[in-house]
Amino acid sequence: MDALPGDLAALRAEYELGGLDEADLAADPVTMFGRWFEEVSAAGLHEPNAMVLSTTTADGSPSSRTVLLKGYGPDGFVFFTNYDSAKGADLAADPRCALLFGWYPLQRQVRVEGTATPVPRAETEEYFATRPRGSQLGAWASAQSAVVGSRAELDAAFAATEERFGDGGIPAPPHWGGYRVRPERVEFWQGRRSRMHDRLVYARAGDGWTVQRLAP
């Protein structure tokens, strides 16, 4: 095998912060997610709501990027974005997607597989009103995922948007809104010694859930 840059083959850590047993699980995955999210937040992790969203492009290629979770509940996991972006186009063509929460300092991961649907417009407008003004302006100024010629072009677009709205209120753009991912499978992963990790998976079964343990 060729030499790895920085001796990557030697980079490893033993996972020994805890374990995950079937008896530890809540009755449903969203309640269980809430438990872990509270623990992660209390531990002070940077942006614990950051998650990797994976979609499929029109030609069947996988595509991933980081977005921020902005809500969760019995109906699923919510994030907001530009509907005209690359991920918006992907989800319009194929709403199936996956989420990954990588809470590595606690040696935990949560994987979600499900289907995304746009949230009601009223929900988008309610959330948009809570965003910092700069973020509101950015949602209007940026044609997300479109090719731009330079940083100066982006700055000019932002400045023009500032001038357009002045000191007035900023409504949610019509091309911007939320998605709710309804989970079909949710895996809770806890690192263990010797790579014998705990992997417990909820799978939707009618109105309830089944739970299985997977080999690491």
N, C-alpha and C. Protein backbone atom coordinates (compact mmCIF):
# COMPACT_ATOMS: atom_id res chain seq x y z
N MET A 1 0.85 -1.19 0.00
CA MET A 1 0.00 0.00 0.00
C MET A 1 0.89 1.24 0.00
N ASP A 2 0.50 2.25 -0.80
CA ASP A 2 1.26 3.49 -0.84
C ASP A 2 1.23 4.17 0.51
N ALA A 3 2.28 4.92 0.80
CA ALA A 3 2.33 5.68 2.05
C ALA A 3 1.19 6.70 2.08
N LEU A 4 0.57 6.84 3.23
CA LEU A 4 -0.54 7.77 3.37
C LEU A 4 -0.03 9.10 3.91
N PRO A 5 -0.54 10.23 3.40
CA PRO A 5 -0.10 11.54 3.88
C PRO A 5 -0.30 11.67 5.38
N GLY A 6 0.74 12.12 6.07
CA GLY A 6 0.61 12.31 7.51
C GLY A 6 0.38 11.02 8.26
N ASP A 7 0.72 9.89 7.63
CA ASP A 7 0.54 8.59 8.28
C ASP A 7 -0.89 8.41 8.77
N LEU A 8 -1.84 8.58 7.86
CA LEU A 8 -3.26 8.44 8.21
C LEU A 8 -3.58 7.06 8.77
N ALA A 9 -2.84 6.05 8.35
CA ALA A 9 -3.12 4.70 8.84
C ALA A 9 -2.95 4.60 10.34
N ALA A 10 -2.15 5.48 10.93
CA ALA A 10 -1.90 5.43 12.36
C ALA A 10 -2.90 6.26 13.17
N LEU A 11 -3.76 7.00 12.48
CA LEU A 11 -4.73 7.83 13.18
C LEU A 11 -5.92 6.99 13.62
N ARG A 12 -6.01 6.76 14.89
CA ARG A 12 -7.15 6.01 15.42
C ARG A 12 -7.31 6.35 16.88
N ALA A 13 -8.53 6.15 17.38
CA ALA A 13 -8.82 6.41 18.79
C ALA A 13 -9.70 5.28 19.31
N GLU A 14 -9.54 4.99 20.57
CA GLU A 14 -10.38 3.97 21.19
C GLU A 14 -11.65 4.63 21.70
N TYR A 15 -12.79 4.02 21.42
CA TYR A 15 -14.08 4.57 21.84
C TYR A 15 -14.50 3.89 23.14
N GLU A 16 -14.62 4.67 24.19
CA GLU A 16 -14.92 4.06 25.48
C GLU A 16 -15.70 4.99 26.41
N LEU A 17 -16.49 5.89 25.82
CA LEU A 17 -17.26 6.81 26.66
C LEU A 17 -18.55 6.20 27.19
N GLY A 18 -19.02 5.15 26.55
CA GLY A 18 -20.28 4.56 27.00
C GLY A 18 -20.77 3.50 26.06
N GLY A 19 -21.97 3.03 26.31
CA GLY A 19 -22.59 2.02 25.46
C GLY A 19 -24.05 2.36 25.25
N LEU A 20 -24.71 1.56 24.42
CA LEU A 20 -26.13 1.77 24.14
C LEU A 20 -26.81 0.41 24.09
N ASP A 21 -27.71 0.18 25.02
CA ASP A 21 -28.46 -1.08 25.09
C ASP A 21 -29.91 -0.84 24.70
N GLU A 22 -30.56 -1.91 24.30
CA GLU A 22 -31.97 -1.81 23.93
C GLU A 22 -32.81 -1.21 25.06
N ALA A 23 -32.46 -1.51 26.29
CA ALA A 23 -33.21 -0.99 27.44
C ALA A 23 -33.07 0.52 27.58
N ASP A 24 -32.05 1.10 26.93
CA ASP A 24 -31.83 2.55 27.00
C ASP A 24 -32.74 3.33 26.06
N LEU A 25 -33.36 2.65 25.10
CA LEU A 25 -34.08 3.34 24.05
C LEU A 25 -35.46 3.83 24.48
N ALA A 26 -35.87 4.95 23.89
CA ALA A 26 -37.24 5.43 24.04
C ALA A 26 -38.15 4.62 23.11
N ALA A 27 -39.45 4.81 23.25
CA ALA A 27 -40.40 4.05 22.44
C ALA A 27 -40.35 4.44 20.97
N ASP A 28 -39.93 5.65 20.68
CA ASP A 28 -39.86 6.10 19.28
C ASP A 28 -38.56 6.86 19.05
N PRO A 29 -38.11 6.94 17.81
CA PRO A 29 -36.78 7.52 17.54
C PRO A 29 -36.70 9.02 17.76
N VAL A 30 -37.79 9.75 17.58
CA VAL A 30 -37.73 11.20 17.77
C VAL A 30 -37.55 11.54 19.24
N THR A 31 -38.24 10.80 20.12
CA THR A 31 -38.04 11.00 21.55
C THR A 31 -36.61 10.65 21.93
N MET A 32 -36.08 9.57 21.36
CA MET A 32 -34.71 9.17 21.65
C MET A 32 -33.73 10.22 21.13
N PHE A 33 -34.00 10.75 19.95
CA PHE A 33 -33.16 11.82 19.40
C PHE A 33 -33.15 13.01 20.35
N GLY A 34 -34.31 13.36 20.88
CA GLY A 34 -34.39 14.49 21.79
C GLY A 34 -33.53 14.29 23.02
N ARG A 35 -33.50 13.08 23.54
CA ARG A 35 -32.66 12.79 24.70
C ARG A 35 -31.19 13.04 24.37
N TRP A 36 -30.75 12.47 23.25
CA TRP A 36 -29.35 12.63 22.87
C TRP A 36 -29.03 14.09 22.54
N PHE A 37 -29.96 14.78 21.88
CA PHE A 37 -29.70 16.16 21.51
C PHE A 37 -29.52 17.02 22.77
N GLU A 38 -30.31 16.79 23.78
CA GLU A 38 -30.17 17.54 25.03
C GLU A 38 -28.81 17.26 25.67
N GLU A 39 -28.37 16.02 25.62
CA GLU A 39 -27.07 15.67 26.19
C GLU A 39 -25.93 16.31 25.41
N VAL A 40 -26.05 16.29 24.09
CA VAL A 40 -25.02 16.89 23.24
C VAL A 40 -24.97 18.40 23.47
N SER A 41 -26.13 19.04 23.55
CA SER A 41 -26.17 20.47 23.79
C SER A 41 -25.58 20.83 25.14
N ALA A 42 -25.91 20.03 26.16
CA ALA A 42 -25.38 20.29 27.49
C ALA A 42 -23.87 20.10 27.55
N ALA A 43 -23.34 19.26 26.66
CA ALA A 43 -21.89 19.02 26.63
C ALA A 43 -21.13 20.15 25.96
N GLY A 44 -21.85 21.10 25.36
CA GLY A 44 -21.21 22.25 24.77
C GLY A 44 -20.63 22.05 23.39
N LEU A 45 -21.09 21.05 22.66
CA LEU A 45 -20.57 20.84 21.31
C LEU A 45 -20.92 22.02 20.41
N HIS A 46 -20.00 22.38 19.52
CA HIS A 46 -20.22 23.48 18.59
C HIS A 46 -21.28 23.08 17.57
N GLU A 47 -22.31 23.89 17.42
CA GLU A 47 -23.40 23.66 16.49
C GLU A 47 -23.89 22.21 16.52
N PRO A 48 -24.47 21.81 17.62
CA PRO A 48 -24.97 20.43 17.71
C PRO A 48 -26.09 20.13 16.72
N ASN A 49 -26.70 21.19 16.16
CA ASN A 49 -27.77 20.99 15.19
C ASN A 49 -27.28 20.90 13.76
N ALA A 50 -25.95 20.92 13.56
CA ALA A 50 -25.42 20.73 12.21
C ALA A 50 -25.61 19.29 11.76
N MET A 51 -26.03 19.09 10.53
CA MET A 51 -26.26 17.74 10.01
C MET A 51 -25.90 17.71 8.54
N VAL A 52 -25.46 16.56 8.08
CA VAL A 52 -25.16 16.36 6.67
C VAL A 52 -26.43 15.86 5.99
N LEU A 53 -26.88 16.59 4.98
CA LEU A 53 -28.05 16.21 4.18
C LEU A 53 -27.56 15.60 2.87
N SER A 54 -27.98 14.38 2.60
CA SER A 54 -27.62 13.70 1.35
C SER A 54 -28.85 13.53 0.48
N THR A 55 -28.70 13.89 -0.78
CA THR A 55 -29.77 13.77 -1.77
C THR A 55 -29.23 13.05 -2.99
N THR A 56 -30.08 12.88 -3.99
CA THR A 56 -29.68 12.25 -5.25
C THR A 56 -29.94 13.21 -6.40
N THR A 57 -28.94 13.42 -7.26
CA THR A 57 -29.11 14.31 -8.40
C THR A 57 -29.94 13.64 -9.49
N ALA A 58 -30.28 14.43 -10.50
CA ALA A 58 -31.13 13.91 -11.57
C ALA A 58 -30.51 12.72 -12.28
N ASP A 59 -29.17 12.66 -12.35
CA ASP A 59 -28.51 11.54 -13.02
C ASP A 59 -28.17 10.39 -12.07
N GLY A 60 -28.70 10.47 -10.85
CA GLY A 60 -28.51 9.38 -9.89
C GLY A 60 -27.27 9.47 -9.04
N SER A 61 -26.53 10.58 -9.13
CA SER A 61 -25.32 10.73 -8.33
C SER A 61 -25.67 11.20 -6.91
N PRO A 62 -24.96 10.71 -5.90
CA PRO A 62 -25.20 11.20 -4.54
C PRO A 62 -24.62 12.59 -4.36
N SER A 63 -25.23 13.39 -3.50
CA SER A 63 -24.75 14.73 -3.24
C SER A 63 -25.00 15.06 -1.76
N SER A 64 -23.98 15.57 -1.07
CA SER A 64 -24.10 15.85 0.36
C SER A 64 -23.62 17.25 0.68
N ARG A 65 -24.21 17.84 1.73
CA ARG A 65 -23.79 19.13 2.23
C ARG A 65 -24.31 19.27 3.67
N THR A 66 -23.73 20.22 4.40
CA THR A 66 -24.13 20.45 5.77
C THR A 66 -25.21 21.52 5.84
N VAL A 67 -26.28 21.24 6.57
CA VAL A 67 -27.33 22.21 6.84
C VAL A 67 -27.60 22.20 8.34
N LEU A 68 -28.47 23.09 8.79
CA LEU A 68 -28.75 23.18 10.22
C LEU A 68 -30.18 22.73 10.52
N LEU A 69 -30.31 21.85 11.48
CA LEU A 69 -31.62 21.43 11.97
C LEU A 69 -32.26 22.61 12.68
N LYS A 70 -33.52 22.92 12.35
CA LYS A 70 -34.21 24.03 12.98
C LYS A 70 -35.49 23.61 13.71
N GLY A 71 -35.73 22.34 13.78
CA GLY A 71 -36.88 21.85 14.53
C GLY A 71 -37.02 20.36 14.37
N TYR A 72 -37.61 19.71 15.36
CA TYR A 72 -37.91 18.29 15.23
C TYR A 72 -39.10 17.97 16.13
N GLY A 73 -39.80 16.92 15.74
CA GLY A 73 -40.98 16.50 16.49
C GLY A 73 -41.50 15.21 15.91
N PRO A 74 -42.68 14.78 16.34
CA PRO A 74 -43.22 13.49 15.88
C PRO A 74 -43.32 13.37 14.37
N ASP A 75 -43.48 14.51 13.67
CA ASP A 75 -43.63 14.46 12.21
C ASP A 75 -42.29 14.46 11.47
N GLY A 76 -41.19 14.74 12.18
CA GLY A 76 -39.91 14.69 11.50
C GLY A 76 -38.96 15.81 11.86
N PHE A 77 -37.95 16.00 10.98
CA PHE A 77 -36.83 16.90 11.21
C PHE A 77 -36.89 18.04 10.18
N VAL A 78 -36.76 19.29 10.65
CA VAL A 78 -37.00 20.45 9.79
C VAL A 78 -35.71 21.24 9.54
N PHE A 79 -35.50 21.62 8.29
CA PHE A 79 -34.43 22.56 7.93
C PHE A 79 -34.98 23.51 6.88
N PHE A 80 -34.26 24.63 6.66
CA PHE A 80 -34.71 25.65 5.71
C PHE A 80 -33.62 25.92 4.68
N THR A 81 -34.04 26.28 3.47
CA THR A 81 -33.08 26.52 2.40
C THR A 81 -33.75 27.23 1.24
N ASN A 82 -32.97 27.50 0.22
CA ASN A 82 -33.47 28.05 -1.03
C ASN A 82 -34.03 26.90 -1.87
N TYR A 83 -35.30 26.98 -2.24
CA TYR A 83 -35.91 25.90 -3.01
C TYR A 83 -35.30 25.76 -4.41
N ASP A 84 -34.66 26.84 -4.90
CA ASP A 84 -34.06 26.80 -6.23
C ASP A 84 -32.60 26.32 -6.19
N SER A 85 -32.11 25.97 -5.02
CA SER A 85 -30.73 25.50 -4.88
C SER A 85 -30.58 24.10 -5.45
N ALA A 86 -29.35 23.61 -5.46
CA ALA A 86 -29.10 22.25 -5.95
C ALA A 86 -29.86 21.22 -5.12
N LYS A 87 -29.84 21.38 -3.81
CA LYS A 87 -30.56 20.41 -2.98
C LYS A 87 -32.07 20.52 -3.18
N GLY A 88 -32.55 21.76 -3.43
CA GLY A 88 -33.97 21.92 -3.70
C GLY A 88 -34.38 21.22 -4.98
N ALA A 89 -33.54 21.33 -6.01
CA ALA A 89 -33.82 20.63 -7.27
C ALA A 89 -33.79 19.12 -7.07
N ASP A 90 -32.82 18.65 -6.30
CA ASP A 90 -32.73 17.21 -6.02
C ASP A 90 -34.00 16.72 -5.35
N LEU A 91 -34.43 17.44 -4.32
CA LEU A 91 -35.58 16.99 -3.54
C LEU A 91 -36.89 17.11 -4.33
N ALA A 92 -36.96 18.06 -5.25
CA ALA A 92 -38.15 18.17 -6.09
C ALA A 92 -38.28 16.96 -7.00
N ALA A 93 -37.13 16.44 -7.45
CA ALA A 93 -37.14 15.28 -8.35
C ALA A 93 -37.26 13.98 -7.58
N ASP A 94 -36.63 13.90 -6.42
CA ASP A 94 -36.66 12.69 -5.60
C ASP A 94 -36.60 13.11 -4.14
N PRO A 95 -37.71 13.09 -3.43
CA PRO A 95 -37.74 13.59 -2.05
C PRO A 95 -37.08 12.67 -1.04
N ARG A 96 -36.62 11.50 -1.47
CA ARG A 96 -35.92 10.64 -0.53
C ARG A 96 -34.56 11.22 -0.19
N CYS A 97 -34.19 11.17 1.07
CA CYS A 97 -32.93 11.78 1.49
C CYS A 97 -32.45 11.13 2.78
N ALA A 98 -31.26 11.53 3.20
CA ALA A 98 -30.67 11.02 4.44
C ALA A 98 -30.04 12.16 5.21
N LEU A 99 -30.06 12.05 6.53
CA LEU A 99 -29.44 13.02 7.42
C LEU A 99 -28.40 12.30 8.28
N LEU A 100 -27.33 12.99 8.60
CA LEU A 100 -26.31 12.44 9.49
C LEU A 100 -25.91 13.49 10.51
N PHE A 101 -26.07 13.16 11.78
CA PHE A 101 -25.59 13.99 12.88
C PHE A 101 -24.31 13.34 13.41
N GLY A 102 -23.20 14.03 13.25
CA GLY A 102 -21.92 13.48 13.70
C GLY A 102 -21.47 14.15 14.98
N TRP A 103 -21.82 13.58 16.11
CA TRP A 103 -21.48 14.15 17.41
C TRP A 103 -20.23 13.44 17.93
N TYR A 104 -19.12 13.66 17.26
CA TYR A 104 -17.91 12.87 17.45
C TYR A 104 -17.26 13.02 18.83
N PRO A 105 -17.26 14.20 19.45
CA PRO A 105 -16.66 14.27 20.79
C PRO A 105 -17.34 13.35 21.81
N LEU A 106 -18.62 13.04 21.59
CA LEU A 106 -19.32 12.09 22.46
C LEU A 106 -19.36 10.69 21.86
N GLN A 107 -18.62 10.51 20.75
CA GLN A 107 -18.53 9.21 20.09
C GLN A 107 -19.91 8.68 19.71
N ARG A 108 -20.71 9.58 19.15
CA ARG A 108 -22.08 9.25 18.75
C ARG A 108 -22.36 9.73 17.33
N GLN A 109 -23.23 9.00 16.67
CA GLN A 109 -23.80 9.42 15.39
C GLN A 109 -25.28 9.07 15.39
N VAL A 110 -26.06 9.86 14.66
CA VAL A 110 -27.46 9.51 14.37
C VAL A 110 -27.66 9.61 12.87
N ARG A 111 -28.17 8.54 12.28
CA ARG A 111 -28.46 8.50 10.85
C ARG A 111 -29.97 8.42 10.65
N VAL A 112 -30.47 9.28 9.76
CA VAL A 112 -31.91 9.32 9.47
C VAL A 112 -32.11 9.11 7.98
N GLU A 113 -33.02 8.21 7.62
CA GLU A 113 -33.41 8.03 6.22
C GLU A 113 -34.90 8.26 6.13
N GLY A 114 -35.32 9.10 5.16
CA GLY A 114 -36.74 9.40 5.07
C GLY A 114 -37.07 10.17 3.82
N THR A 115 -38.19 10.88 3.86
CA THR A 115 -38.71 11.62 2.72
C THR A 115 -38.98 13.06 3.13
N ALA A 116 -38.52 14.00 2.31
CA ALA A 116 -38.67 15.42 2.60
C ALA A 116 -39.86 16.02 1.86
N THR A 117 -40.63 16.83 2.56
CA THR A 117 -41.73 17.58 1.95
C THR A 117 -41.66 19.03 2.44
N PRO A 118 -42.04 19.99 1.60
CA PRO A 118 -42.02 21.39 2.04
C PRO A 118 -42.96 21.61 3.22
N VAL A 119 -42.54 22.46 4.14
CA VAL A 119 -43.41 22.79 5.28
C VAL A 119 -44.45 23.80 4.82
N PRO A 120 -45.56 23.97 5.55
CA PRO A 120 -46.55 25.00 5.19
C PRO A 120 -45.91 26.39 5.15
N ARG A 121 -46.42 27.24 4.26
CA ARG A 121 -45.83 28.57 4.09
C ARG A 121 -45.83 29.37 5.40
N ALA A 122 -46.88 29.21 6.19
CA ALA A 122 -46.96 29.95 7.45
C ALA A 122 -45.80 29.57 8.38
N GLU A 123 -45.39 28.31 8.34
CA GLU A 123 -44.28 27.87 9.18
C GLU A 123 -42.97 28.49 8.70
N THR A 124 -42.80 28.57 7.38
CA THR A 124 -41.61 29.23 6.83
C THR A 124 -41.56 30.70 7.25
N GLU A 125 -42.67 31.40 7.12
CA GLU A 125 -42.70 32.83 7.44
C GLU A 125 -42.45 33.06 8.93
N GLU A 126 -42.99 32.20 9.76
CA GLU A 126 -42.77 32.34 11.21
C GLU A 126 -41.30 32.18 11.55
N TYR A 127 -40.65 31.18 10.95
CA TYR A 127 -39.23 30.98 11.21
C TYR A 127 -38.40 32.12 10.62
N PHE A 128 -38.70 32.52 9.39
CA PHE A 128 -37.91 33.56 8.72
C PHE A 128 -37.89 34.83 9.54
N ALA A 129 -38.98 35.15 10.20
CA ALA A 129 -39.06 36.37 11.01
C ALA A 129 -38.10 36.34 12.19
N THR A 130 -37.65 35.15 12.60
CA THR A 130 -36.73 35.05 13.74
C THR A 130 -35.27 35.15 13.31
N ARG A 131 -34.99 35.12 12.02
CA ARG A 131 -33.60 35.13 11.55
C ARG A 131 -32.97 36.51 11.72
N PRO A 132 -31.66 36.58 11.94
CA PRO A 132 -30.99 37.88 11.96
C PRO A 132 -31.22 38.60 10.63
N ARG A 133 -31.23 39.93 10.69
CA ARG A 133 -31.53 40.71 9.47
C ARG A 133 -30.54 40.39 8.35
N GLY A 134 -29.28 40.21 8.69
CA GLY A 134 -28.31 39.88 7.66
C GLY A 134 -28.63 38.58 6.95
N SER A 135 -29.09 37.59 7.70
CA SER A 135 -29.47 36.32 7.10
C SER A 135 -30.71 36.47 6.23
N GLN A 136 -31.63 37.32 6.66
CA GLN A 136 -32.81 37.59 5.84
C GLN A 136 -32.42 38.22 4.51
N LEU A 137 -31.52 39.20 4.57
CA LEU A 137 -31.06 39.84 3.34
C LEU A 137 -30.33 38.85 2.45
N GLY A 138 -29.52 38.00 3.06
CA GLY A 138 -28.77 37.02 2.28
C GLY A 138 -29.67 36.06 1.52
N ALA A 139 -30.81 35.72 2.10
CA ALA A 139 -31.74 34.81 1.44
C ALA A 139 -32.28 35.41 0.14
N TRP A 140 -32.41 36.75 0.10
CA TRP A 140 -32.84 37.44 -1.12
C TRP A 140 -31.67 37.66 -2.08
N ALA A 141 -30.49 37.95 -1.52
CA ALA A 141 -29.36 38.36 -2.35
C ALA A 141 -28.68 37.21 -3.08
N SER A 142 -28.72 36.01 -2.51
CA SER A 142 -27.97 34.90 -3.07
C SER A 142 -28.85 33.95 -3.87
N ALA A 143 -28.50 33.74 -5.13
CA ALA A 143 -29.15 32.71 -5.95
C ALA A 143 -28.40 31.41 -5.67
N GLN A 144 -28.71 30.81 -4.57
CA GLN A 144 -27.92 29.69 -4.04
C GLN A 144 -27.66 28.61 -5.09
N SER A 145 -26.40 28.18 -5.17
CA SER A 145 -25.90 27.14 -6.07
C SER A 145 -25.64 27.63 -7.49
N ALA A 146 -26.04 28.87 -7.83
CA ALA A 146 -25.76 29.40 -9.16
C ALA A 146 -24.30 29.84 -9.25
N VAL A 147 -23.73 29.76 -10.43
CA VAL A 147 -22.35 30.19 -10.64
C VAL A 147 -22.29 31.72 -10.58
N VAL A 148 -21.29 32.27 -9.85
CA VAL A 148 -21.09 33.71 -9.78
C VAL A 148 -19.67 34.03 -10.25
N GLY A 149 -19.49 35.22 -10.79
CA GLY A 149 -18.21 35.56 -11.36
C GLY A 149 -17.13 35.91 -10.36
N SER A 150 -17.53 36.44 -9.21
CA SER A 150 -16.54 36.87 -8.24
C SER A 150 -17.20 37.14 -6.89
N ARG A 151 -16.35 37.31 -5.87
CA ARG A 151 -16.85 37.71 -4.56
C ARG A 151 -17.47 39.10 -4.64
N ALA A 152 -16.86 39.97 -5.47
CA ALA A 152 -17.39 41.32 -5.61
C ALA A 152 -18.83 41.30 -6.12
N GLU A 153 -19.14 40.35 -7.00
CA GLU A 153 -20.50 40.23 -7.53
C GLU A 153 -21.47 39.88 -6.40
N LEU A 154 -21.06 38.98 -5.51
CA LEU A 154 -21.91 38.63 -4.37
C LEU A 154 -22.12 39.83 -3.46
N ASP A 155 -21.02 40.54 -3.17
CA ASP A 155 -21.12 41.71 -2.28
C ASP A 155 -22.03 42.78 -2.88
N ALA A 156 -21.96 42.94 -4.18
CA ALA A 156 -22.81 43.93 -4.85
C ALA A 156 -24.28 43.53 -4.77
N ALA A 157 -24.55 42.25 -4.90
CA ALA A 157 -25.93 41.77 -4.80
C ALA A 157 -26.48 42.00 -3.40
N PHE A 158 -25.63 41.79 -2.39
CA PHE A 158 -26.07 42.01 -1.01
C PHE A 158 -26.33 43.49 -0.78
N ALA A 159 -25.43 44.34 -1.27
CA ALA A 159 -25.60 45.78 -1.09
C ALA A 159 -26.88 46.27 -1.77
N ALA A 160 -27.17 45.76 -2.96
CA ALA A 160 -28.39 46.14 -3.68
C ALA A 160 -29.62 45.70 -2.90
N THR A 161 -29.54 44.54 -2.26
CA THR A 161 -30.67 44.06 -1.47
C THR A 161 -30.88 44.92 -0.24
N GLU A 162 -29.78 45.32 0.41
CA GLU A 162 -29.88 46.24 1.55
C GLU A 162 -30.58 47.53 1.13
N GLU A 163 -30.20 48.05 -0.02
CA GLU A 163 -30.79 49.30 -0.50
C GLU A 163 -32.27 49.10 -0.83
N ARG A 164 -32.58 47.95 -1.37
CA ARG A 164 -33.97 47.67 -1.76
C ARG A 164 -34.91 47.70 -0.56
N PHE A 165 -34.49 47.08 0.54
CA PHE A 165 -35.39 46.96 1.70
C PHE A 165 -35.21 48.10 2.70
N GLY A 166 -34.09 48.80 2.62
CA GLY A 166 -33.88 49.91 3.54
C GLY A 166 -34.02 49.48 4.99
N ASP A 167 -34.79 50.26 5.75
CA ASP A 167 -35.01 49.93 7.16
C ASP A 167 -36.33 49.19 7.38
N GLY A 168 -36.98 48.81 6.29
CA GLY A 168 -38.29 48.16 6.42
C GLY A 168 -38.19 46.68 6.73
N GLY A 169 -39.34 46.07 6.89
CA GLY A 169 -39.40 44.64 7.15
C GLY A 169 -38.99 43.84 5.92
N ILE A 170 -38.54 42.63 6.16
CA ILE A 170 -38.09 41.76 5.07
C ILE A 170 -38.92 40.49 5.08
N PRO A 171 -39.75 40.27 4.09
CA PRO A 171 -40.56 39.05 4.05
C PRO A 171 -39.73 37.86 3.59
N ALA A 172 -40.22 36.68 3.83
CA ALA A 172 -39.55 35.48 3.34
C ALA A 172 -39.64 35.43 1.82
N PRO A 173 -38.54 35.18 1.12
CA PRO A 173 -38.61 35.09 -0.35
C PRO A 173 -39.52 33.94 -0.78
N PRO A 174 -40.19 34.09 -1.90
CA PRO A 174 -41.07 33.01 -2.36
C PRO A 174 -40.32 31.73 -2.71
N HIS A 175 -39.01 31.87 -3.02
CA HIS A 175 -38.21 30.71 -3.40
C HIS A 175 -37.48 30.10 -2.21
N TRP A 176 -37.82 30.49 -1.03
CA TRP A 176 -37.11 30.06 0.19
C TRP A 176 -38.11 29.48 1.18
N GLY A 177 -37.72 28.37 1.82
CA GLY A 177 -38.63 27.78 2.78
C GLY A 177 -38.07 26.53 3.44
N GLY A 178 -38.92 25.85 4.14
CA GLY A 178 -38.49 24.70 4.92
C GLY A 178 -38.89 23.37 4.32
N TYR A 179 -38.18 22.35 4.76
CA TYR A 179 -38.52 20.95 4.46
C TYR A 179 -38.65 20.20 5.78
N ARG A 180 -39.54 19.26 5.80
CA ARG A 180 -39.65 18.35 6.94
C ARG A 180 -39.34 16.94 6.45
N VAL A 181 -38.35 16.32 7.07
CA VAL A 181 -37.96 14.96 6.69
C VAL A 181 -38.68 13.98 7.60
N ARG A 182 -39.59 13.22 7.01
CA ARG A 182 -40.33 12.19 7.77
C ARG A 182 -39.47 10.93 7.82
N PRO A 183 -39.04 10.52 9.00
CA PRO A 183 -38.10 9.40 9.07
C PRO A 183 -38.77 8.05 8.82
N GLU A 184 -38.05 7.19 8.10
CA GLU A 184 -38.46 5.80 7.92
C GLU A 184 -37.51 4.87 8.69
N ARG A 185 -36.24 5.27 8.79
CA ARG A 185 -35.24 4.54 9.56
C ARG A 185 -34.38 5.55 10.32
N VAL A 186 -34.09 5.24 11.57
CA VAL A 186 -33.23 6.10 12.37
C VAL A 186 -32.26 5.21 13.14
N GLU A 187 -30.97 5.41 12.91
CA GLU A 187 -29.95 4.60 13.58
C GLU A 187 -29.20 5.43 14.62
N PHE A 188 -29.09 4.87 15.81
CA PHE A 188 -28.30 5.48 16.88
C PHE A 188 -27.02 4.67 17.04
N TRP A 189 -25.91 5.35 16.91
CA TRP A 189 -24.58 4.72 16.89
C TRP A 189 -23.77 5.24 18.05
N GLN A 190 -23.30 4.34 18.88
CA GLN A 190 -22.43 4.69 20.01
C GLN A 190 -21.14 3.92 19.88
N GLY A 191 -20.01 4.63 19.86
CA GLY A 191 -18.72 3.98 19.73
C GLY A 191 -18.40 3.11 20.94
N ARG A 192 -17.76 1.96 20.67
CA ARG A 192 -17.34 1.05 21.74
C ARG A 192 -15.90 0.59 21.49
N ARG A 193 -15.30 0.01 22.48
CA ARG A 193 -13.92 -0.45 22.37
C ARG A 193 -13.77 -1.51 21.29
N SER A 194 -12.58 -1.57 20.70
CA SER A 194 -12.22 -2.58 19.70
C SER A 194 -13.13 -2.53 18.48
N ARG A 195 -13.71 -1.37 18.23
CA ARG A 195 -14.60 -1.16 17.07
C ARG A 195 -15.87 -2.02 17.14
N MET A 196 -16.22 -2.51 18.32
CA MET A 196 -17.46 -3.28 18.49
C MET A 196 -18.57 -2.32 18.91
N HIS A 197 -18.88 -1.42 18.00
CA HIS A 197 -19.80 -0.33 18.30
C HIS A 197 -21.23 -0.83 18.48
N ASP A 198 -22.03 -0.03 19.18
CA ASP A 198 -23.46 -0.28 19.31
C ASP A 198 -24.20 0.45 18.20
N ARG A 199 -25.02 -0.29 17.46
CA ARG A 199 -25.84 0.27 16.39
C ARG A 199 -27.26 -0.24 16.57
N LEU A 200 -28.16 0.62 16.98
CA LEU A 200 -29.55 0.26 17.18
C LEU A 200 -30.41 1.08 16.22
N VAL A 201 -31.25 0.39 15.45
CA VAL A 201 -31.99 1.01 14.36
C VAL A 201 -33.49 0.87 14.57
N TYR A 202 -34.17 2.01 14.52
CA TYR A 202 -35.64 2.02 14.47
C TYR A 202 -36.06 1.97 13.00
N ALA A 203 -37.03 1.14 12.68
CA ALA A 203 -37.60 1.09 11.33
C ALA A 203 -39.11 1.23 11.45
N ARG A 204 -39.69 2.09 10.63
CA ARG A 204 -41.12 2.33 10.70
C ARG A 204 -41.89 1.06 10.32
N ALA A 205 -42.90 0.75 11.13
CA ALA A 205 -43.75 -0.42 10.88
C ALA A 205 -45.19 -0.02 11.16
N GLY A 206 -45.92 0.39 10.11
CA GLY A 206 -47.28 0.87 10.30
C GLY A 206 -47.27 2.15 11.12
N ASP A 207 -48.01 2.14 12.24
CA ASP A 207 -48.07 3.31 13.11
C ASP A 207 -47.00 3.27 14.20
N GLY A 208 -46.16 2.24 14.19
CA GLY A 208 -45.16 2.10 15.23
C GLY A 208 -43.77 1.89 14.66
N TRP A 209 -42.91 1.31 15.50
CA TRP A 209 -41.51 1.12 15.13
C TRP A 209 -41.02 -0.23 15.60
N THR A 210 -40.16 -0.83 14.79
CA THR A 210 -39.41 -1.99 15.24
C THR A 210 -37.98 -1.55 15.53
N VAL A 211 -37.26 -2.31 16.34
CA VAL A 211 -35.87 -1.99 16.66
C VAL A 211 -35.01 -3.21 16.43
N GLN A 212 -33.90 -3.01 15.75
CA GLN A 212 -32.94 -4.08 15.51
C GLN A 212 -31.54 -3.60 15.85
N ARG A 213 -30.70 -4.54 16.26
CA ARG A 213 -29.29 -4.26 16.48
C ARG A 213 -28.51 -4.70 15.25
N LEU A 214 -27.62 -3.85 14.78
CA LEU A 214 -26.78 -4.17 13.62
C LEU A 214 -25.35 -4.45 14.07
N ALA A 215 -24.68 -5.32 13.35
CA ALA A 215 -23.26 -5.55 13.61
C ALA A 215 -22.48 -4.30 13.24
N PRO A 216 -21.43 -3.97 13.97
CA PRO A 216 -20.67 -2.76 13.68
C PRO A 216 -19.83 -2.90 12.41
